[in-house]
Amino acid sequence: MGYYGAFYISELYPVLRRINTYLLRWVMNKYRNRSTWKKATRMLTEAADRRPRFFAHWAWVKPAAR
């Protein structure tokens, strides 16, 4: 993130969004009561609001609704 954030930030955003998608899928598999996109997205959004530095890429790209 340090290198591409300094020189190719436009190329970095899709990768960071993809990481968020992987996190959504992980949440949906780990927590069965969050097995829909809407519930999983809400959980990650609340987590990002409570602890914005939990994942380093959340400083640049927040979990977004699908």
C-alpha atoms as a PDB file:
ATOM      1  CA  MET A   1       0.000   0.000   0.000  1.00  0.00           C
ATOM      2  CA  GLY A   2       2.891   2.320   0.657  1.00  0.00           C
ATOM      3  CA  TYR A   3       4.357   2.118  -2.855  1.00  0.00           C
ATOM      4  CA  TYR A   4       1.159   2.013  -4.895  1.00  0.00           C
ATOM      5  CA  GLY A   5      -0.488   4.553  -2.613  1.00  0.00           C
ATOM      6  CA  ALA A   6       2.261   7.006  -3.450  1.00  0.00           C
ATOM      7  CA  PHE A   7       2.502   6.363  -7.183  1.00  0.00           C
ATOM      8  CA  TYR A   8      -0.510   4.414  -8.491  1.00  0.00           C
ATOM      9  CA  ILE A   9      -3.380   5.082  -6.126  1.00  0.00           C
ATOM     10  CA  SER A  10      -5.977   4.679  -8.885  1.00  0.00           C
ATOM     11  CA  GLU A  11      -4.759   1.119  -9.451  1.00  0.00           C
ATOM     12  CA  LEU A  12      -4.861   0.375  -5.736  1.00  0.00           C
ATOM     13  CA  TYR A  13      -8.567   1.069  -5.133  1.00  0.00           C
ATOM     14  CA  PRO A  14      -9.898  -1.984  -7.030  1.00  0.00           C
ATOM     15  CA  VAL A  15      -7.530  -4.236  -5.086  1.00  0.00           C
ATOM     16  CA  LEU A  16      -8.662  -2.778  -1.769  1.00  0.00           C
ATOM     17  CA  ARG A  17     -12.317  -3.181  -2.764  1.00  0.00           C
ATOM     18  CA  ARG A  18     -11.571  -6.800  -3.625  1.00  0.00           C
ATOM     19  CA  ILE A  19     -10.114  -7.319  -0.152  1.00  0.00           C
ATOM     20  CA  ASN A  20     -13.388  -5.998   1.262  1.00  0.00           C
ATOM     21  CA  THR A  21     -15.273  -8.506  -0.879  1.00  0.00           C
ATOM     22  CA  TYR A  22     -13.149 -11.320   0.529  1.00  0.00           C
ATOM     23  CA  LEU A  23     -13.881 -10.044   4.031  1.00  0.00           C
ATOM     24  CA  LEU A  24     -17.606 -10.050   3.256  1.00  0.00           C
ATOM     25  CA  ARG A  25     -17.445 -13.629   2.064  1.00  0.00           C
ATOM     26  CA  TRP A  26     -15.488 -14.648   5.146  1.00  0.00           C
ATOM     27  CA  VAL A  27     -18.059 -13.017   7.434  1.00  0.00           C
ATOM     28  CA  MET A  28     -20.875 -14.758   5.594  1.00  0.00           C
ATOM     29  CA  ASN A  29     -19.201 -18.163   5.994  1.00  0.00           C
ATOM     30  CA  LYS A  30     -18.004 -17.679   9.571  1.00  0.00           C
ATOM     31  CA  TYR A  31     -21.188 -16.228  11.043  1.00  0.00           C
ATOM     32  CA  ARG A  32     -24.234 -18.097   9.814  1.00  0.00           C
ATOM     33  CA  ASN A  33     -26.600 -15.402  11.142  1.00  0.00           C
ATOM     34  CA  ARG A  34     -24.853 -12.958   8.770  1.00  0.00           C
ATOM     35  CA  SER A  35     -25.339 -15.167   5.749  1.00  0.00           C
ATOM     36  CA  THR A  36     -26.761 -12.480   3.453  1.00  0.00           C
ATOM     37  CA  TRP A  37     -24.862  -9.673   1.729  1.00  0.00           C
ATOM     38  CA  LYS A  38     -26.956  -7.035   3.450  1.00  0.00           C
ATOM     39  CA  LYS A  39     -26.320  -8.340   6.984  1.00  0.00           C
ATOM     40  CA  ALA A  40     -22.628  -8.957   6.359  1.00  0.00           C
ATOM     41  CA  THR A  41     -22.178  -5.497   4.828  1.00  0.00           C
ATOM     42  CA  ARG A  42     -23.934  -3.897   7.773  1.00  0.00           C
ATOM     43  CA  MET A  43     -21.670  -5.804  10.181  1.00  0.00           C
ATOM     44  CA  LEU A  44     -18.486  -4.685   8.421  1.00  0.00           C
ATOM     45  CA  THR A  45     -19.730  -1.094   8.126  1.00  0.00           C
ATOM     46  CA  GLU A  46     -20.447  -0.979  11.854  1.00  0.00           C
ATOM     47  CA  ALA A  47     -17.044  -2.509  12.578  1.00  0.00           C
ATOM     48  CA  ALA A  48     -15.359   0.114  10.382  1.00  0.00           C
ATOM     49  CA  ASP A  49     -17.241   2.885  12.201  1.00  0.00           C
ATOM     50  CA  ARG A  50     -16.297   1.548  15.639  1.00  0.00           C
ATOM     51  CA  ARG A  51     -12.663   0.662  14.843  1.00  0.00           C
ATOM     52  CA  PRO A  52     -11.567   2.392  11.632  1.00  0.00           C
ATOM     53  CA  ARG A  53      -7.940   1.236  11.975  1.00  0.00           C
ATOM     54  CA  PHE A  54      -8.793  -2.438  12.478  1.00  0.00           C
ATOM     55  CA  PHE A  55      -7.698  -3.174   8.896  1.00  0.00           C
ATOM     56  CA  ALA A  56      -5.096  -0.916   7.301  1.00  0.00           C
ATOM     57  CA  HIS A  57      -6.959  -0.609   4.002  1.00  0.00           C
ATOM     58  CA  TRP A  58     -10.053   0.816   5.760  1.00  0.00           C
ATOM     59  CA  ALA A  59      -8.189   4.102   6.070  1.00  0.00           C
ATOM     60  CA  TRP A  60      -8.521   4.451   2.279  1.00  0.00           C
ATOM     61  CA  VAL A  61     -11.571   2.386   1.299  1.00  0.00           C
ATOM     62  CA  LYS A  62     -14.512   1.764   3.611  1.00  0.00           C
ATOM     63  CA  PRO A  63     -16.703  -1.333   3.303  1.00  0.00           C
ATOM     64  CA  ALA A  64     -19.408  -0.378   0.826  1.00  0.00           C
ATOM     65  CA  ALA A  65     -22.849  -1.703   0.130  1.00  0.00           C
ATOM     66  CA  ARG A  66     -23.076  -4.046  -2.754  1.00  0.00           C
END
